[in-house]
C-alpha atoms as a PDB file:
ATOM      1  CA  UNK A   1      11.182   2.752  -0.783  1.00  0.00           C
ATOM      2  CA  UNK A   2       8.256   2.368  -3.210  1.00  0.00           C
ATOM      3  CA  UNK A   3       5.067   4.538  -2.762  1.00  0.00           C
ATOM      4  CA  UNK A   4       2.785   1.485  -3.077  1.00  0.00           C
ATOM      5  CA  UNK A   5       3.057  -2.121  -2.055  1.00  0.00           C
ATOM      6  CA  UNK A   6       1.837  -4.800  -4.419  1.00  0.00           C
ATOM      7  CA  UNK A   7       0.110  -7.709  -2.765  1.00  0.00           C
ATOM      8  CA  UNK A   8      -1.325 -11.087  -4.101  1.00  0.00           C
ATOM      9  CA  UNK A   9      -3.301 -13.841  -2.642  1.00  0.00           C
ATOM     10  CA  UNK A  10      -1.400 -17.255  -2.165  1.00  0.00           C
ATOM     11  CA  UNK A  11      -2.715 -20.142  -0.195  1.00  0.00           C
ATOM     12  CA  UNK A  12      -5.109 -18.090   1.857  1.00  0.00           C
ATOM     13  CA  UNK A  13      -2.569 -15.365   2.689  1.00  0.00           C
ATOM     14  CA  UNK A  14      -1.960 -11.949   1.483  1.00  0.00           C
ATOM     15  CA  UNK A  15       1.500 -11.974   0.208  1.00  0.00           C
ATOM     16  CA  UNK A  16       3.821  -8.928  -0.371  1.00  0.00           C
ATOM     17  CA  UNK A  17       5.158  -8.974  -3.935  1.00  0.00           C
ATOM     18  CA  UNK A  18       8.327  -6.934  -3.451  1.00  0.00           C
ATOM     19  CA  UNK A  19       9.568  -7.643  -6.988  1.00  0.00           C
ATOM     20  CA  UNK A  20       6.264  -7.144  -8.519  1.00  0.00           C
ATOM     21  CA  UNK A  21       6.535 -10.334 -10.462  1.00  0.00           C
ATOM     22  CA  UNK A  22       4.246 -12.968  -8.701  1.00  0.00           C
ATOM     23  CA  UNK A  23       1.635 -14.421 -10.735  1.00  0.00           C
ATOM     24  CA  UNK A  24      -2.034 -13.716 -10.100  1.00  0.00           C
ATOM     25  CA  UNK A  25      -4.312 -10.821  -9.619  1.00  0.00           C
ATOM     26  CA  UNK A  26      -2.601  -8.126  -7.534  1.00  0.00           C
ATOM     27  CA  UNK A  27      -3.754  -5.206  -5.450  1.00  0.00           C
ATOM     28  CA  UNK A  28      -1.900  -2.059  -4.422  1.00  0.00           C
ATOM     29  CA  UNK A  29      -1.673  -0.613  -0.910  1.00  0.00           C
ATOM     30  CA  UNK A  30      -0.043   2.460   0.549  1.00  0.00           C
ATOM     31  CA  UNK A  31       2.641   1.335   3.150  1.00  0.00           C
ATOM     32  CA  UNK A  32       0.677   2.970   6.010  1.00  0.00           C
ATOM     33  CA  UNK A  33      -0.888   1.431   9.137  1.00  0.00           C
ATOM     34  CA  UNK A  34      -4.078   3.485   8.619  1.00  0.00           C
ATOM     35  CA  UNK A  35      -4.570   2.277   4.988  1.00  0.00           C
ATOM     36  CA  UNK A  36      -4.010  -1.304   5.995  1.00  0.00           C
ATOM     37  CA  UNK A  37      -6.478  -0.947   8.880  1.00  0.00           C
ATOM     38  CA  UNK A  38      -9.097   0.557   6.631  1.00  0.00           C
ATOM     39  CA  UNK A  39      -8.614  -2.182   4.010  1.00  0.00           C
ATOM     40  CA  UNK A  40      -8.980  -4.824   6.685  1.00  0.00           C
ATOM     41  CA  UNK A  41     -12.188  -3.210   8.161  1.00  0.00           C
ATOM     42  CA  UNK A  42     -13.700  -2.919   4.752  1.00  0.00           C
ATOM     43  CA  UNK A  43     -12.672  -6.540   3.845  1.00  0.00           C
ATOM     44  CA  UNK A  44     -11.066  -5.115   0.703  1.00  0.00           C
ATOM     45  CA  UNK A  45      -8.416  -7.810   0.093  1.00  0.00           C
ATOM     46  CA  UNK A  46     -10.689 -10.821  -0.782  1.00  0.00           C
ATOM     47  CA  UNK A  47     -12.725  -8.499  -3.043  1.00  0.00           C
ATOM     48  CA  UNK A  48      -9.729  -6.885  -4.762  1.00  0.00           C
ATOM     49  CA  UNK A  49      -7.848 -10.125  -5.151  1.00  0.00           C
ATOM     50  CA  UNK A  50     -11.010 -12.061  -6.092  1.00  0.00           C
ATOM     51  CA  UNK A  51     -10.396 -14.744  -3.514  1.00  0.00           C
ATOM     52  CA  UNK A  52     -13.021 -16.807  -1.721  1.00  0.00           C
ATOM     53  CA  UNK A  53     -13.258 -16.571   2.007  1.00  0.00           C
ATOM     54  CA  UNK A  54     -11.014 -14.861   4.490  1.00  0.00           C
ATOM     55  CA  UNK A  55      -7.368 -14.068   3.834  1.00  0.00           C
ATOM     56  CA  UNK A  56      -4.671 -13.868   6.482  1.00  0.00           C
ATOM     57  CA  UNK A  57      -2.939 -10.528   6.372  1.00  0.00           C
ATOM     58  CA  UNK A  58      -0.412 -11.072   9.359  1.00  0.00           C
ATOM     59  CA  UNK A  59       2.578 -11.091   7.002  1.00  0.00           C
ATOM     60  CA  UNK A  60       1.509  -7.992   5.218  1.00  0.00           C
ATOM     61  CA  UNK A  61       0.844  -6.308   8.669  1.00  0.00           C
ATOM     62  CA  UNK A  62       4.396  -7.267   9.671  1.00  0.00           C
ATOM     63  CA  UNK A  63       5.792  -5.873   6.507  1.00  0.00           C
ATOM     64  CA  UNK A  64       4.027  -2.441   6.793  1.00  0.00           C
ATOM     65  CA  UNK A  65       5.000  -2.134  10.450  1.00  0.00           C
ATOM     66  CA  UNK A  66       8.708  -2.769   9.445  1.00  0.00           C
ATOM     67  CA  UNK A  67       8.420  -0.165   6.758  1.00  0.00           C
ATOM     68  CA  UNK A  68       6.740   2.333   8.977  1.00  0.00           C
ATOM     69  CA  UNK A  69       9.436   1.770  11.788  1.00  0.00           C
ATOM     70  CA  UNK A  70      12.256   2.179   9.390  1.00  0.00           C
ATOM     71  CA  UNK A  71      10.804   5.443   7.850  1.00  0.00           C
ATOM     72  CA  UNK A  72      10.122   6.851  11.345  1.00  0.00           C
ATOM     73  CA  UNK A  73      13.700   6.070  12.490  1.00  0.00           C
ATOM     74  CA  UNK A  74      14.880   7.799   9.296  1.00  0.00           C
ATOM     75  CA  UNK A  75      12.988  10.929  10.169  1.00  0.00           C
ATOM     76  CA  UNK A  76      10.424  10.666   7.382  1.00  0.00           C
ATOM     77  CA  UNK A  77       6.773   9.744   7.262  1.00  0.00           C
ATOM     78  CA  UNK A  78       5.184   7.204   5.052  1.00  0.00           C
ATOM     79  CA  UNK A  79       1.827   6.826   3.483  1.00  0.00           C
ATOM     80  CA  UNK A  80      -1.126   8.963   2.711  1.00  0.00           C
ATOM     81  CA  UNK A  81      -1.259  12.462   4.043  1.00  0.00           C
ATOM     82  CA  UNK A  82       2.407  13.140   3.347  1.00  0.00           C
ATOM     83  CA  UNK A  83       2.777  16.486   1.623  1.00  0.00           C
ATOM     84  CA  UNK A  84       4.372  16.455  -1.779  1.00  0.00           C
ATOM     85  CA  UNK A  85       6.939  19.009  -2.572  1.00  0.00           C
ATOM     86  CA  UNK A  86       6.410  20.575  -5.920  1.00  0.00           C
ATOM     87  CA  UNK A  87       9.295  22.041  -7.970  1.00  0.00           C
ATOM     88  CA  UNK A  88       9.042  24.356 -10.815  1.00  0.00           C
ATOM     89  CA  UNK A  89       6.176  26.521 -11.829  1.00  0.00           C
ATOM     90  CA  UNK A  90       2.820  25.820 -13.371  1.00  0.00           C
ATOM     91  CA  UNK A  91       1.594  27.562 -16.415  1.00  0.00           C
ATOM     92  CA  UNK A  92      -1.464  29.762 -15.816  1.00  0.00           C
ATOM     93  CA  UNK A  93      -4.245  29.591 -18.243  1.00  0.00           C
ATOM     94  CA  UNK A  94      -6.512  32.589 -19.065  1.00  0.00           C
ATOM     95  CA  UNK A  95     -10.124  31.376 -18.517  1.00  0.00           C
ATOM     96  CA  UNK A  96     -11.640  33.840 -20.957  1.00  0.00           C
END
């Protein structure tokens, strides 16, 4: 599953661009209910997609819910706040 979802505005709706090929200005969103809720409260989609008026996000909400349910049933979590596992070592730099 991709880390971010690309969305575009089409006919007054926010549409998920799964193949990342749809024309028009796109915006990116974490597949997380919290991020979607914050974006809706802030009215970020019309601003990010440069659309006039209100955009319907029902289809996007359904898509995020479906992704979240499938990730929860697989035992993983999706979205912001998920710790990243780092492998390898980092080179230390002498500050002097």
